[in-house]
């Protein structure tokens, strides 16, 4: 019985993922797959999404595949929480990788908690919007008041890796949603304008300053828009 339920869950996840991403080219994990970018170069790389063209220093990109046309990865960026320096530049400045083996787990986690990830993509409407996705995935939910947010606890019928979700109180949809794994990371998904949506991932310990993180993310999107 457990095997059947697990198989059904996996089928639902894969099916929903394929429906949501069917028109987006995605890099194959076979024959090379995704390659992490370790560049600290501030040379600008141009990339378009939606109706915008972005000019982003190469050091910000998570995957070097992003530099190749047709990869389908788009703008998947990483930076340090406070300075907003490219994560590659930040860890290079503090000599993190050379020191990592001598650091305690607490010290390593403290450094890694300062990383935020920003993904920028085309805004899709109707059956492929962020709102639609979560209306499809979140089922049999429980709702709790959580101050300025409404906390959503997914039920067994939900298709989600997250332990809980947060939406603004009195929200009528999921166009602004924060999804969290307890004790790990959270991800805010929302729209920037009529053509662009973004998500920003951060350590759950910084949930209390989510407004500041959102503001920094929006500021970077504006900064990276080519003039």
N, C-alpha and C. Protein backbone atom coordinates (compact mmCIF):
# COMPACT_ATOMS: atom_id res chain seq x y z
N UNK A 1 0.83 -1.20 0.00
CA UNK A 1 0.00 0.00 0.00
C UNK A 1 0.87 1.26 0.00
N UNK A 2 1.93 1.25 0.83
CA UNK A 2 2.84 2.40 0.89
C UNK A 2 3.50 2.63 -0.45
N UNK A 3 3.85 1.52 -1.14
CA UNK A 3 4.50 1.64 -2.44
C UNK A 3 3.56 2.29 -3.45
N UNK A 4 2.28 1.90 -3.39
CA UNK A 4 1.28 2.45 -4.31
C UNK A 4 1.10 3.95 -4.07
N UNK A 5 1.02 4.33 -2.78
CA UNK A 5 0.85 5.75 -2.44
C UNK A 5 2.07 6.55 -2.86
N UNK A 6 3.27 5.98 -2.64
CA UNK A 6 4.50 6.68 -3.02
C UNK A 6 4.57 6.85 -4.54
N UNK A 7 4.15 5.79 -5.26
CA UNK A 7 4.17 5.86 -6.72
C UNK A 7 3.19 6.90 -7.23
N UNK A 8 2.03 6.96 -6.59
CA UNK A 8 1.02 7.95 -6.98
C UNK A 8 1.53 9.37 -6.74
N UNK A 9 2.18 9.56 -5.59
CA UNK A 9 2.72 10.89 -5.25
C UNK A 9 3.77 11.31 -6.27
N UNK A 10 4.68 10.37 -6.61
CA UNK A 10 5.73 10.67 -7.58
C UNK A 10 5.14 10.98 -8.94
N UNK A 11 4.13 10.22 -9.34
CA UNK A 11 3.48 10.46 -10.62
C UNK A 11 2.81 11.83 -10.65
N UNK A 12 2.19 12.21 -9.53
CA UNK A 12 1.52 13.51 -9.44
C UNK A 12 2.52 14.65 -9.55
N UNK A 13 3.65 14.49 -8.84
CA UNK A 13 4.69 15.52 -8.87
C UNK A 13 5.24 15.69 -10.28
N UNK A 14 5.62 14.56 -10.90
CA UNK A 14 6.20 14.61 -12.24
C UNK A 14 5.19 15.14 -13.25
N UNK A 15 3.94 14.70 -13.12
CA UNK A 15 2.90 15.14 -14.04
C UNK A 15 2.66 16.63 -13.95
N UNK A 16 2.55 17.11 -12.72
CA UNK A 16 2.33 18.55 -12.52
C UNK A 16 3.52 19.35 -13.01
N UNK A 17 4.72 18.85 -12.74
CA UNK A 17 5.94 19.56 -13.17
C UNK A 17 5.99 19.63 -14.69
N UNK A 18 5.69 18.53 -15.37
CA UNK A 18 5.73 18.51 -16.82
C UNK A 18 4.68 19.45 -17.40
N UNK A 19 3.50 19.49 -16.75
CA UNK A 19 2.45 20.38 -17.27
C UNK A 19 2.88 21.83 -17.12
N UNK A 20 3.50 22.15 -16.00
CA UNK A 20 3.87 23.53 -15.73
C UNK A 20 5.05 23.98 -16.59
N UNK A 21 5.97 23.05 -16.92
CA UNK A 21 7.20 23.43 -17.62
C UNK A 21 7.27 22.92 -19.06
N UNK A 22 6.17 22.40 -19.59
CA UNK A 22 6.27 21.70 -20.87
C UNK A 22 6.78 22.59 -22.00
N UNK A 23 6.55 23.92 -21.95
CA UNK A 23 6.96 24.79 -23.04
C UNK A 23 8.27 25.50 -22.75
N UNK A 24 9.00 25.06 -21.69
CA UNK A 24 10.26 25.70 -21.35
C UNK A 24 11.41 24.72 -21.60
N UNK A 25 12.40 25.09 -22.39
CA UNK A 25 13.55 24.21 -22.59
C UNK A 25 14.31 24.06 -21.29
N UNK A 26 14.69 22.86 -20.96
CA UNK A 26 15.42 22.60 -19.72
C UNK A 26 16.67 21.80 -20.03
N UNK A 27 17.78 22.18 -19.43
CA UNK A 27 19.04 21.47 -19.66
C UNK A 27 18.92 20.03 -19.21
N UNK A 28 19.40 19.11 -20.02
CA UNK A 28 19.37 17.69 -19.68
C UNK A 28 20.38 17.40 -18.58
N UNK A 29 20.00 16.52 -17.68
CA UNK A 29 20.92 16.08 -16.64
C UNK A 29 21.82 14.97 -17.15
N UNK A 30 21.61 14.57 -18.40
CA UNK A 30 22.44 13.54 -19.00
C UNK A 30 23.37 14.20 -20.01
N UNK A 31 24.50 13.59 -20.27
CA UNK A 31 25.43 14.14 -21.24
C UNK A 31 26.02 15.46 -20.79
N UNK A 32 26.31 15.60 -19.53
CA UNK A 32 26.92 16.84 -19.04
C UNK A 32 26.10 17.48 -17.94
N UNK A 33 24.82 17.73 -18.21
CA UNK A 33 23.94 18.28 -17.19
C UNK A 33 24.34 19.67 -16.74
N UNK A 34 23.90 20.02 -15.55
CA UNK A 34 24.15 21.33 -14.99
C UNK A 34 25.58 21.43 -14.45
N UNK A 35 26.20 22.56 -14.71
CA UNK A 35 27.57 22.80 -14.27
C UNK A 35 27.59 24.06 -13.41
N UNK A 36 28.05 23.92 -12.17
CA UNK A 36 28.09 25.08 -11.28
C UNK A 36 29.10 26.10 -11.78
N UNK A 37 28.74 27.36 -11.64
CA UNK A 37 29.60 28.46 -12.05
C UNK A 37 30.46 28.92 -10.87
N UNK A 38 31.76 28.94 -11.04
CA UNK A 38 32.66 29.39 -9.98
C UNK A 38 33.38 30.69 -10.35
N UNK A 39 32.90 31.33 -11.41
CA UNK A 39 33.54 32.55 -11.88
C UNK A 39 33.36 33.70 -10.89
N UNK A 40 34.39 34.51 -10.77
CA UNK A 40 34.31 35.75 -9.99
C UNK A 40 34.39 36.97 -10.92
N UNK A 41 34.23 36.72 -12.21
CA UNK A 41 34.31 37.78 -13.20
C UNK A 41 33.09 38.72 -13.11
N UNK A 42 33.35 40.00 -13.21
CA UNK A 42 32.26 40.99 -13.21
C UNK A 42 31.94 41.42 -14.64
N UNK A 43 32.41 40.66 -15.59
CA UNK A 43 32.06 40.92 -16.99
C UNK A 43 30.58 40.63 -17.19
N UNK A 44 29.89 41.54 -17.86
CA UNK A 44 28.43 41.46 -17.99
C UNK A 44 28.02 40.43 -19.04
N UNK A 45 27.01 39.64 -18.68
CA UNK A 45 26.39 38.69 -19.61
C UNK A 45 24.95 39.14 -19.84
N UNK A 46 24.53 39.21 -21.10
CA UNK A 46 23.17 39.65 -21.43
C UNK A 46 22.25 38.45 -21.64
N UNK A 47 21.05 38.57 -21.09
CA UNK A 47 20.08 37.48 -21.18
C UNK A 47 18.68 38.08 -21.14
N UNK A 48 17.78 37.59 -21.98
CA UNK A 48 16.42 38.12 -22.04
C UNK A 48 15.43 37.18 -21.40
N UNK A 49 14.42 37.76 -20.75
CA UNK A 49 13.29 36.99 -20.24
C UNK A 49 12.09 37.90 -20.24
N UNK A 50 10.94 37.36 -20.63
CA UNK A 50 9.77 38.21 -20.78
C UNK A 50 10.07 39.28 -21.81
N UNK A 51 9.71 40.50 -21.53
CA UNK A 51 9.97 41.61 -22.44
C UNK A 51 11.22 42.40 -22.04
N UNK A 52 12.00 41.86 -21.09
CA UNK A 52 13.16 42.57 -20.57
C UNK A 52 14.47 41.90 -20.98
N UNK A 53 15.48 42.73 -21.13
CA UNK A 53 16.83 42.22 -21.34
C UNK A 53 17.64 42.57 -20.10
N UNK A 54 18.35 41.58 -19.56
CA UNK A 54 19.12 41.78 -18.34
C UNK A 54 20.60 41.74 -18.63
N UNK A 55 21.34 42.61 -17.92
CA UNK A 55 22.78 42.68 -18.02
C UNK A 55 23.36 42.35 -16.64
N UNK A 56 23.86 41.13 -16.48
CA UNK A 56 24.26 40.65 -15.17
C UNK A 56 25.71 40.19 -15.18
N UNK A 57 26.54 40.63 -14.24
CA UNK A 57 27.93 40.13 -14.15
C UNK A 57 27.95 38.61 -14.01
N UNK A 58 28.87 37.97 -14.67
CA UNK A 58 28.92 36.51 -14.71
C UNK A 58 29.05 35.88 -13.32
N UNK A 59 29.68 36.58 -12.38
CA UNK A 59 29.90 36.03 -11.05
C UNK A 59 28.60 35.73 -10.31
N UNK A 60 27.49 36.35 -10.71
CA UNK A 60 26.21 36.14 -10.02
C UNK A 60 25.53 34.82 -10.40
N UNK A 61 25.86 34.27 -11.56
CA UNK A 61 25.12 33.11 -12.04
C UNK A 61 25.48 31.84 -11.27
N UNK A 62 24.46 31.04 -10.96
CA UNK A 62 24.67 29.78 -10.24
C UNK A 62 25.27 28.73 -11.18
N UNK A 63 24.78 28.66 -12.42
CA UNK A 63 25.22 27.65 -13.36
C UNK A 63 25.90 28.29 -14.57
N UNK A 64 27.03 27.73 -14.97
CA UNK A 64 27.73 28.25 -16.14
C UNK A 64 26.96 27.94 -17.42
N UNK A 65 26.04 26.97 -17.37
CA UNK A 65 25.20 26.67 -18.53
C UNK A 65 24.40 27.89 -18.98
N UNK A 66 24.14 28.81 -18.05
CA UNK A 66 23.36 30.00 -18.37
C UNK A 66 24.01 30.84 -19.46
N UNK A 67 25.31 30.67 -19.65
CA UNK A 67 26.02 31.47 -20.64
C UNK A 67 25.84 30.92 -22.06
N UNK A 68 25.19 29.76 -22.18
CA UNK A 68 25.02 29.13 -23.48
C UNK A 68 23.58 29.31 -23.97
N UNK A 69 23.37 29.88 -25.16
CA UNK A 69 22.03 30.08 -25.70
C UNK A 69 21.25 28.77 -25.77
N UNK A 70 19.99 28.82 -25.41
CA UNK A 70 19.14 27.64 -25.51
C UNK A 70 19.21 26.71 -24.33
N UNK A 71 19.97 27.06 -23.29
CA UNK A 71 20.08 26.17 -22.13
C UNK A 71 18.76 26.09 -21.38
N UNK A 72 17.97 27.19 -21.41
CA UNK A 72 16.68 27.20 -20.73
C UNK A 72 16.75 27.45 -19.25
N UNK A 73 17.94 27.68 -18.72
CA UNK A 73 18.07 27.91 -17.27
C UNK A 73 17.64 29.31 -16.90
N UNK A 74 17.96 30.26 -17.74
CA UNK A 74 17.57 31.64 -17.47
C UNK A 74 18.41 32.28 -16.39
N UNK A 75 17.80 33.18 -15.65
CA UNK A 75 18.52 33.94 -14.63
C UNK A 75 18.36 33.28 -13.27
N UNK A 76 19.35 32.48 -12.90
CA UNK A 76 19.41 31.82 -11.61
C UNK A 76 20.66 32.37 -10.94
N UNK A 77 20.46 33.30 -10.00
CA UNK A 77 21.56 34.09 -9.45
C UNK A 77 21.74 33.84 -7.97
N UNK A 78 22.95 34.14 -7.47
CA UNK A 78 23.26 33.91 -6.06
C UNK A 78 24.09 35.07 -5.53
N UNK A 79 23.74 35.53 -4.31
CA UNK A 79 24.46 36.66 -3.74
C UNK A 79 24.46 36.60 -2.22
N UNK A 80 25.30 37.46 -1.59
CA UNK A 80 25.38 37.54 -0.13
C UNK A 80 24.29 38.46 0.38
N UNK A 81 23.70 38.09 1.49
CA UNK A 81 22.50 38.74 2.02
C UNK A 81 22.63 40.25 2.21
N UNK A 82 23.68 40.70 2.87
CA UNK A 82 23.80 42.12 3.23
C UNK A 82 24.41 42.96 2.11
N UNK A 83 25.56 42.55 1.62
CA UNK A 83 26.28 43.35 0.63
C UNK A 83 25.72 43.22 -0.77
N UNK A 84 25.00 42.10 -1.02
CA UNK A 84 24.49 41.75 -2.34
C UNK A 84 25.60 41.51 -3.35
N UNK A 85 26.81 41.25 -2.85
CA UNK A 85 27.90 40.86 -3.73
C UNK A 85 27.59 39.48 -4.30
N UNK A 86 28.10 39.18 -5.50
CA UNK A 86 27.95 37.81 -6.01
C UNK A 86 28.48 36.82 -4.98
N UNK A 87 27.78 35.72 -4.78
CA UNK A 87 28.19 34.75 -3.78
C UNK A 87 29.60 34.24 -4.05
N UNK A 88 29.93 34.03 -5.32
CA UNK A 88 31.27 33.57 -5.66
C UNK A 88 32.34 34.57 -5.21
N UNK A 89 32.06 35.84 -5.35
CA UNK A 89 33.00 36.88 -4.94
C UNK A 89 33.11 36.91 -3.41
N UNK A 90 31.96 36.80 -2.74
CA UNK A 90 31.93 36.86 -1.28
C UNK A 90 32.74 35.73 -0.66
N UNK A 91 32.50 34.50 -1.10
CA UNK A 91 33.22 33.37 -0.50
C UNK A 91 34.70 33.39 -0.86
N UNK A 92 35.01 33.98 -2.01
CA UNK A 92 36.41 34.13 -2.40
C UNK A 92 37.10 35.15 -1.48
N UNK A 93 36.41 36.23 -1.16
CA UNK A 93 36.99 37.27 -0.30
C UNK A 93 37.26 36.77 1.12
N UNK A 94 36.38 35.90 1.62
CA UNK A 94 36.58 35.38 2.98
C UNK A 94 37.37 34.07 2.98
N UNK A 95 37.83 33.67 1.76
CA UNK A 95 38.64 32.46 1.63
C UNK A 95 37.92 31.23 2.20
N UNK A 96 36.63 31.15 1.93
CA UNK A 96 35.77 30.14 2.55
C UNK A 96 36.16 28.71 2.19
N UNK A 97 36.35 28.43 0.91
CA UNK A 97 36.58 27.04 0.50
C UNK A 97 37.93 26.51 1.00
N UNK A 98 38.90 27.39 1.13
CA UNK A 98 40.20 26.97 1.67
C UNK A 98 40.13 26.70 3.16
N UNK A 99 39.24 27.41 3.85
CA UNK A 99 39.11 27.29 5.30
C UNK A 99 38.05 26.27 5.73
N UNK A 100 37.19 25.87 4.80
CA UNK A 100 36.01 25.08 5.15
C UNK A 100 36.33 23.80 5.92
N UNK A 101 37.39 23.08 5.54
CA UNK A 101 37.71 21.81 6.19
C UNK A 101 38.11 21.99 7.65
N UNK A 102 38.56 23.18 7.99
CA UNK A 102 38.99 23.43 9.36
C UNK A 102 37.88 24.10 10.20
N UNK A 103 36.76 24.37 9.57
CA UNK A 103 35.66 25.05 10.26
C UNK A 103 34.70 24.04 10.87
N UNK A 104 34.04 24.43 11.94
CA UNK A 104 33.02 23.58 12.55
C UNK A 104 31.75 23.65 11.71
N UNK A 105 30.85 22.69 11.93
CA UNK A 105 29.58 22.68 11.22
C UNK A 105 28.79 23.96 11.49
N UNK A 106 28.83 24.44 12.72
CA UNK A 106 28.12 25.68 13.08
C UNK A 106 28.68 26.86 12.28
N UNK A 107 29.99 26.93 12.16
CA UNK A 107 30.63 28.02 11.42
C UNK A 107 30.28 27.96 9.93
N UNK A 108 30.29 26.75 9.39
CA UNK A 108 29.95 26.57 7.98
C UNK A 108 28.51 26.97 7.71
N UNK A 109 27.61 26.52 8.58
CA UNK A 109 26.19 26.84 8.40
C UNK A 109 25.95 28.34 8.52
N UNK A 110 26.72 29.01 9.39
CA UNK A 110 26.56 30.45 9.57
C UNK A 110 26.93 31.19 8.29
N UNK A 111 27.99 30.73 7.62
CA UNK A 111 28.38 31.35 6.35
C UNK A 111 27.33 31.07 5.28
N UNK A 112 26.95 29.81 5.15
CA UNK A 112 26.01 29.43 4.09
C UNK A 112 24.64 30.05 4.29
N UNK A 113 24.27 30.37 5.51
CA UNK A 113 22.96 30.98 5.77
C UNK A 113 22.86 32.38 5.17
N UNK A 114 23.99 32.97 4.82
CA UNK A 114 24.01 34.32 4.29
C UNK A 114 23.80 34.35 2.76
N UNK A 115 23.68 33.19 2.17
CA UNK A 115 23.47 33.13 0.73
C UNK A 115 21.98 33.27 0.40
N UNK A 116 21.66 34.13 -0.55
CA UNK A 116 20.31 34.20 -1.07
C UNK A 116 20.36 33.93 -2.57
N UNK A 117 19.33 33.26 -3.07
CA UNK A 117 19.25 32.92 -4.49
C UNK A 117 18.08 33.64 -5.12
N UNK A 118 18.31 34.21 -6.27
CA UNK A 118 17.29 34.97 -6.99
C UNK A 118 17.08 34.38 -8.37
N UNK A 119 15.85 33.96 -8.65
CA UNK A 119 15.52 33.44 -9.97
C UNK A 119 14.52 34.39 -10.63
N UNK A 120 14.82 34.77 -11.86
CA UNK A 120 13.99 35.70 -12.61
C UNK A 120 13.51 34.99 -13.86
N UNK A 121 12.21 35.05 -14.12
CA UNK A 121 11.67 34.35 -15.29
C UNK A 121 10.48 35.09 -15.86
N UNK A 122 10.04 34.62 -17.01
CA UNK A 122 8.91 35.24 -17.69
C UNK A 122 7.62 35.00 -16.91
N UNK A 123 6.79 36.02 -16.83
CA UNK A 123 5.50 35.88 -16.15
C UNK A 123 4.50 35.23 -17.08
N UNK A 124 3.96 34.10 -16.64
CA UNK A 124 2.97 33.37 -17.41
C UNK A 124 1.59 33.60 -16.81
N UNK A 125 0.60 33.59 -17.66
CA UNK A 125 -0.76 33.87 -17.20
C UNK A 125 -1.61 32.60 -17.17
N UNK A 126 -2.80 32.73 -16.60
CA UNK A 126 -3.77 31.64 -16.63
C UNK A 126 -3.27 30.36 -16.01
N UNK A 127 -3.33 29.26 -16.77
CA UNK A 127 -3.02 27.94 -16.27
C UNK A 127 -1.57 27.68 -15.95
N UNK A 128 -0.68 28.68 -16.10
CA UNK A 128 0.72 28.44 -15.77
C UNK A 128 1.29 29.53 -14.87
N UNK A 129 0.44 30.29 -14.24
CA UNK A 129 0.89 31.34 -13.33
C UNK A 129 1.31 30.72 -12.00
N UNK A 130 2.05 31.51 -11.18
CA UNK A 130 2.41 31.06 -9.84
C UNK A 130 1.16 30.76 -9.03
N UNK A 131 0.15 31.62 -9.14
CA UNK A 131 -1.11 31.42 -8.43
C UNK A 131 -1.75 30.09 -8.80
N UNK A 132 -1.81 29.81 -10.09
CA UNK A 132 -2.43 28.56 -10.55
C UNK A 132 -1.66 27.36 -10.03
N UNK A 133 -0.31 27.45 -10.08
CA UNK A 133 0.52 26.32 -9.65
C UNK A 133 0.19 25.91 -8.23
N UNK A 134 0.12 26.88 -7.31
CA UNK A 134 -0.12 26.53 -5.91
C UNK A 134 -1.57 26.16 -5.65
N UNK A 135 -2.49 26.67 -6.44
CA UNK A 135 -3.88 26.23 -6.32
C UNK A 135 -4.00 24.76 -6.71
N UNK A 136 -3.15 24.35 -7.64
CA UNK A 136 -3.14 22.94 -8.06
C UNK A 136 -2.44 22.06 -7.03
N UNK A 137 -1.32 22.54 -6.47
CA UNK A 137 -0.49 21.72 -5.60
C UNK A 137 -0.98 21.63 -4.16
N UNK A 138 -1.61 22.69 -3.65
CA UNK A 138 -2.01 22.71 -2.24
C UNK A 138 -3.45 22.23 -2.08
N UNK A 139 -3.61 21.07 -1.45
CA UNK A 139 -4.92 20.47 -1.27
C UNK A 139 -5.10 20.07 0.20
N UNK A 140 -6.34 20.01 0.63
CA UNK A 140 -6.66 19.55 1.98
C UNK A 140 -5.86 20.34 3.03
N UNK A 141 -5.84 21.65 2.87
CA UNK A 141 -4.97 22.49 3.69
C UNK A 141 -5.60 22.87 5.03
N UNK A 142 -4.74 23.21 5.98
CA UNK A 142 -5.15 23.81 7.25
C UNK A 142 -4.64 25.24 7.28
N UNK A 143 -5.44 26.15 7.80
CA UNK A 143 -5.09 27.57 7.81
C UNK A 143 -4.98 28.06 9.24
N UNK A 144 -3.90 28.79 9.51
CA UNK A 144 -3.68 29.37 10.82
C UNK A 144 -3.30 30.84 10.69
N UNK A 145 -3.73 31.63 11.66
CA UNK A 145 -3.33 33.03 11.68
C UNK A 145 -1.88 33.13 12.18
N UNK A 146 -1.08 33.91 11.48
CA UNK A 146 0.33 34.05 11.85
C UNK A 146 0.73 35.53 11.75
N UNK A 147 0.01 36.36 12.48
CA UNK A 147 0.30 37.79 12.46
C UNK A 147 -0.10 38.41 11.14
N UNK A 148 0.84 39.01 10.44
CA UNK A 148 0.55 39.67 9.17
C UNK A 148 0.33 38.69 8.03
N UNK A 149 0.64 37.40 8.30
CA UNK A 149 0.47 36.36 7.30
C UNK A 149 -0.58 35.34 7.73
N UNK A 150 -1.09 34.64 6.74
CA UNK A 150 -1.89 33.44 6.98
C UNK A 150 -0.99 32.26 6.69
N UNK A 151 -0.85 31.35 7.65
CA UNK A 151 -0.02 30.17 7.47
C UNK A 151 -0.85 29.04 6.89
N UNK A 152 -0.33 28.41 5.85
CA UNK A 152 -1.01 27.30 5.19
C UNK A 152 -0.21 26.03 5.44
N UNK A 153 -0.87 25.05 6.05
CA UNK A 153 -0.24 23.74 6.28
C UNK A 153 -0.78 22.76 5.25
N UNK A 154 0.08 22.24 4.39
CA UNK A 154 -0.41 21.34 3.34
C UNK A 154 -0.91 20.01 3.89
N UNK A 155 -1.98 19.51 3.30
CA UNK A 155 -2.52 18.22 3.70
C UNK A 155 -1.86 17.09 2.92
N UNK A 156 -2.29 15.87 3.19
CA UNK A 156 -1.69 14.69 2.56
C UNK A 156 -1.89 14.69 1.05
N UNK A 157 -2.94 15.36 0.59
CA UNK A 157 -3.21 15.39 -0.85
C UNK A 157 -2.40 16.45 -1.58
N UNK A 158 -1.65 17.25 -0.83
CA UNK A 158 -0.86 18.32 -1.44
C UNK A 158 0.39 17.76 -2.11
N UNK A 159 0.85 18.46 -3.14
CA UNK A 159 2.09 18.10 -3.82
C UNK A 159 3.09 19.22 -3.54
N UNK A 160 3.87 19.08 -2.48
CA UNK A 160 4.81 20.13 -2.10
C UNK A 160 5.91 19.54 -1.23
N UNK A 161 7.11 20.07 -1.37
CA UNK A 161 8.23 19.64 -0.53
C UNK A 161 8.31 20.46 0.74
N UNK A 162 7.49 21.51 0.84
CA UNK A 162 7.59 22.45 1.94
C UNK A 162 6.71 22.05 3.13
N UNK A 163 7.13 22.47 4.34
CA UNK A 163 6.38 22.15 5.55
C UNK A 163 5.23 23.11 5.78
N UNK A 164 5.41 24.36 5.33
CA UNK A 164 4.34 25.35 5.47
C UNK A 164 4.52 26.47 4.46
N UNK A 165 3.43 27.20 4.23
CA UNK A 165 3.43 28.31 3.30
C UNK A 165 2.80 29.52 3.99
N UNK A 166 3.20 30.70 3.56
CA UNK A 166 2.67 31.94 4.11
C UNK A 166 2.17 32.83 2.97
N UNK A 167 0.97 33.38 3.15
CA UNK A 167 0.45 34.38 2.22
C UNK A 167 -0.03 35.57 3.05
N UNK A 168 -0.08 36.77 2.46
CA UNK A 168 -0.56 37.92 3.21
C UNK A 168 -1.99 37.70 3.71
N UNK A 169 -2.29 38.22 4.88
CA UNK A 169 -3.64 38.09 5.42
C UNK A 169 -4.64 38.69 4.44
N UNK A 170 -5.78 38.01 4.31
CA UNK A 170 -6.87 38.43 3.42
C UNK A 170 -6.50 38.35 1.94
N UNK A 171 -5.42 37.66 1.63
CA UNK A 171 -5.05 37.49 0.21
C UNK A 171 -6.09 36.64 -0.50
N UNK A 172 -6.39 36.98 -1.73
CA UNK A 172 -7.40 36.25 -2.49
C UNK A 172 -6.79 35.21 -3.43
N UNK A 173 -5.45 35.18 -3.51
CA UNK A 173 -4.80 34.21 -4.38
C UNK A 173 -3.39 33.91 -3.85
N UNK A 174 -2.62 33.18 -4.67
CA UNK A 174 -1.25 32.81 -4.28
C UNK A 174 -0.21 33.56 -5.12
N UNK A 175 -0.53 34.78 -5.54
CA UNK A 175 0.41 35.53 -6.37
C UNK A 175 1.59 36.06 -5.56
N UNK A 176 1.48 36.01 -4.23
CA UNK A 176 2.60 36.31 -3.32
C UNK A 176 2.58 35.19 -2.28
N UNK A 177 3.60 34.35 -2.30
CA UNK A 177 3.60 33.20 -1.40
C UNK A 177 5.03 32.90 -0.94
N UNK A 178 5.16 32.62 0.35
CA UNK A 178 6.45 32.22 0.93
C UNK A 178 6.33 30.76 1.34
N UNK A 179 7.23 29.93 0.87
CA UNK A 179 7.20 28.50 1.14
C UNK A 179 8.44 28.12 1.92
N UNK A 180 8.27 27.39 3.03
CA UNK A 180 9.40 27.11 3.92
C UNK A 180 9.54 25.64 4.28
N UNK A 181 10.79 25.20 4.40
CA UNK A 181 11.12 23.92 5.01
C UNK A 181 11.64 24.25 6.40
N UNK A 182 10.98 23.75 7.41
CA UNK A 182 11.32 24.09 8.79
C UNK A 182 12.78 23.76 9.09
N UNK A 183 13.47 24.74 9.68
CA UNK A 183 14.87 24.54 10.03
C UNK A 183 15.83 24.65 8.87
N UNK A 184 15.33 25.04 7.71
CA UNK A 184 16.20 25.13 6.52
C UNK A 184 15.97 26.46 5.79
N UNK A 185 15.33 26.40 4.63
CA UNK A 185 15.21 27.61 3.81
C UNK A 185 13.76 27.91 3.43
N UNK A 186 13.55 29.17 3.07
CA UNK A 186 12.26 29.63 2.58
C UNK A 186 12.43 30.19 1.18
N UNK A 187 11.34 30.24 0.44
CA UNK A 187 11.37 30.81 -0.90
C UNK A 187 10.15 31.69 -1.11
N UNK A 188 10.38 32.95 -1.44
CA UNK A 188 9.31 33.88 -1.77
C UNK A 188 9.11 33.89 -3.27
N UNK A 189 7.87 33.73 -3.72
CA UNK A 189 7.54 33.81 -5.14
C UNK A 189 6.51 34.91 -5.34
N UNK A 190 6.75 35.80 -6.28
CA UNK A 190 5.79 36.83 -6.60
C UNK A 190 6.15 37.43 -7.95
N UNK A 191 5.41 38.48 -8.37
CA UNK A 191 5.69 39.09 -9.67
C UNK A 191 6.39 40.43 -9.50
N UNK A 192 7.19 40.77 -10.51
CA UNK A 192 7.89 42.06 -10.52
C UNK A 192 7.09 43.08 -11.31
N UNK A 193 6.63 42.68 -12.49
CA UNK A 193 5.78 43.54 -13.31
C UNK A 193 4.96 42.63 -14.22
N UNK A 194 4.38 43.19 -15.28
CA UNK A 194 3.50 42.42 -16.15
C UNK A 194 4.22 41.33 -16.94
N UNK A 195 5.54 41.41 -17.05
CA UNK A 195 6.25 40.43 -17.88
C UNK A 195 7.22 39.54 -17.11
N UNK A 196 7.48 39.87 -15.84
CA UNK A 196 8.52 39.15 -15.09
C UNK A 196 8.02 38.72 -13.72
N UNK A 197 8.34 37.48 -13.35
CA UNK A 197 8.13 36.98 -11.98
C UNK A 197 9.50 36.63 -11.41
N UNK A 198 9.57 36.53 -10.11
CA UNK A 198 10.84 36.15 -9.50
C UNK A 198 10.59 35.37 -8.23
N UNK A 199 11.61 34.62 -7.82
CA UNK A 199 11.58 33.94 -6.54
C UNK A 199 12.91 34.19 -5.86
N UNK A 200 12.88 34.34 -4.55
CA UNK A 200 14.12 34.56 -3.81
C UNK A 200 14.14 33.59 -2.64
N UNK A 201 15.22 32.82 -2.57
CA UNK A 201 15.39 31.79 -1.54
C UNK A 201 16.36 32.29 -0.47
N UNK A 202 16.02 32.04 0.80
CA UNK A 202 16.83 32.53 1.90
C UNK A 202 16.68 31.62 3.12
N UNK A 203 17.59 31.75 4.06
CA UNK A 203 17.56 30.95 5.28
C UNK A 203 16.32 31.32 6.11
N UNK A 204 15.67 30.30 6.67
CA UNK A 204 14.44 30.53 7.45
C UNK A 204 14.67 31.49 8.61
N UNK A 205 15.89 31.55 9.13
CA UNK A 205 16.18 32.45 10.25
C UNK A 205 15.98 33.91 9.87
N UNK A 206 15.97 34.22 8.58
CA UNK A 206 15.79 35.60 8.13
C UNK A 206 14.36 35.90 7.70
N UNK A 207 13.43 35.02 8.07
CA UNK A 207 12.04 35.23 7.70
C UNK A 207 11.50 36.55 8.25
N UNK A 208 12.02 36.97 9.39
CA UNK A 208 11.56 38.21 10.01
C UNK A 208 11.92 39.46 9.23
N UNK A 209 12.89 39.36 8.31
CA UNK A 209 13.26 40.51 7.49
C UNK A 209 12.93 40.25 6.02
N UNK A 210 11.87 39.48 5.78
CA UNK A 210 11.52 39.13 4.41
C UNK A 210 11.22 40.37 3.57
N UNK A 211 10.68 41.43 4.19
CA UNK A 211 10.41 42.65 3.43
C UNK A 211 11.70 43.27 2.91
N UNK A 212 12.74 43.28 3.76
CA UNK A 212 14.03 43.82 3.34
C UNK A 212 14.64 42.97 2.24
N UNK A 213 14.51 41.64 2.36
CA UNK A 213 15.04 40.73 1.33
C UNK A 213 14.31 40.96 0.01
N UNK A 214 12.99 41.09 0.09
CA UNK A 214 12.20 41.35 -1.13
C UNK A 214 12.62 42.67 -1.77
N UNK A 215 12.81 43.69 -0.95
CA UNK A 215 13.22 45.00 -1.46
C UNK A 215 14.57 44.91 -2.16
N UNK A 216 15.51 44.16 -1.57
CA UNK A 216 16.83 44.01 -2.18
C UNK A 216 16.74 43.24 -3.49
N UNK A 217 15.88 42.23 -3.53
CA UNK A 217 15.71 41.44 -4.75
C UNK A 217 15.14 42.32 -5.86
N UNK A 218 14.13 43.10 -5.55
CA UNK A 218 13.53 43.98 -6.55
C UNK A 218 14.53 45.05 -7.01
N UNK A 219 15.35 45.51 -6.07
CA UNK A 219 16.37 46.48 -6.42
C UNK A 219 17.39 45.91 -7.39
N UNK A 220 17.75 44.63 -7.19
CA UNK A 220 18.70 43.98 -8.10
C UNK A 220 18.08 43.78 -9.49
N UNK A 221 16.82 43.40 -9.52
CA UNK A 221 16.16 43.23 -10.82
C UNK A 221 16.18 44.54 -11.60
N UNK A 222 15.89 45.63 -10.90
CA UNK A 222 15.92 46.94 -11.56
C UNK A 222 17.34 47.29 -12.00
N UNK A 223 18.30 47.01 -11.13
CA UNK A 223 19.71 47.31 -11.44
C UNK A 223 20.20 46.50 -12.62
N UNK A 224 19.77 45.24 -12.72
CA UNK A 224 20.26 44.36 -13.78
C UNK A 224 19.53 44.55 -15.10
N UNK A 225 18.45 45.32 -15.11
CA UNK A 225 17.74 45.57 -16.37
C UNK A 225 18.62 46.45 -17.26
N UNK A 226 18.89 45.97 -18.47
CA UNK A 226 19.76 46.72 -19.38
C UNK A 226 19.13 48.07 -19.72
N UNK A 227 19.95 49.07 -19.79
CA UNK A 227 19.46 50.42 -20.14
C UNK A 227 19.45 50.59 -21.65
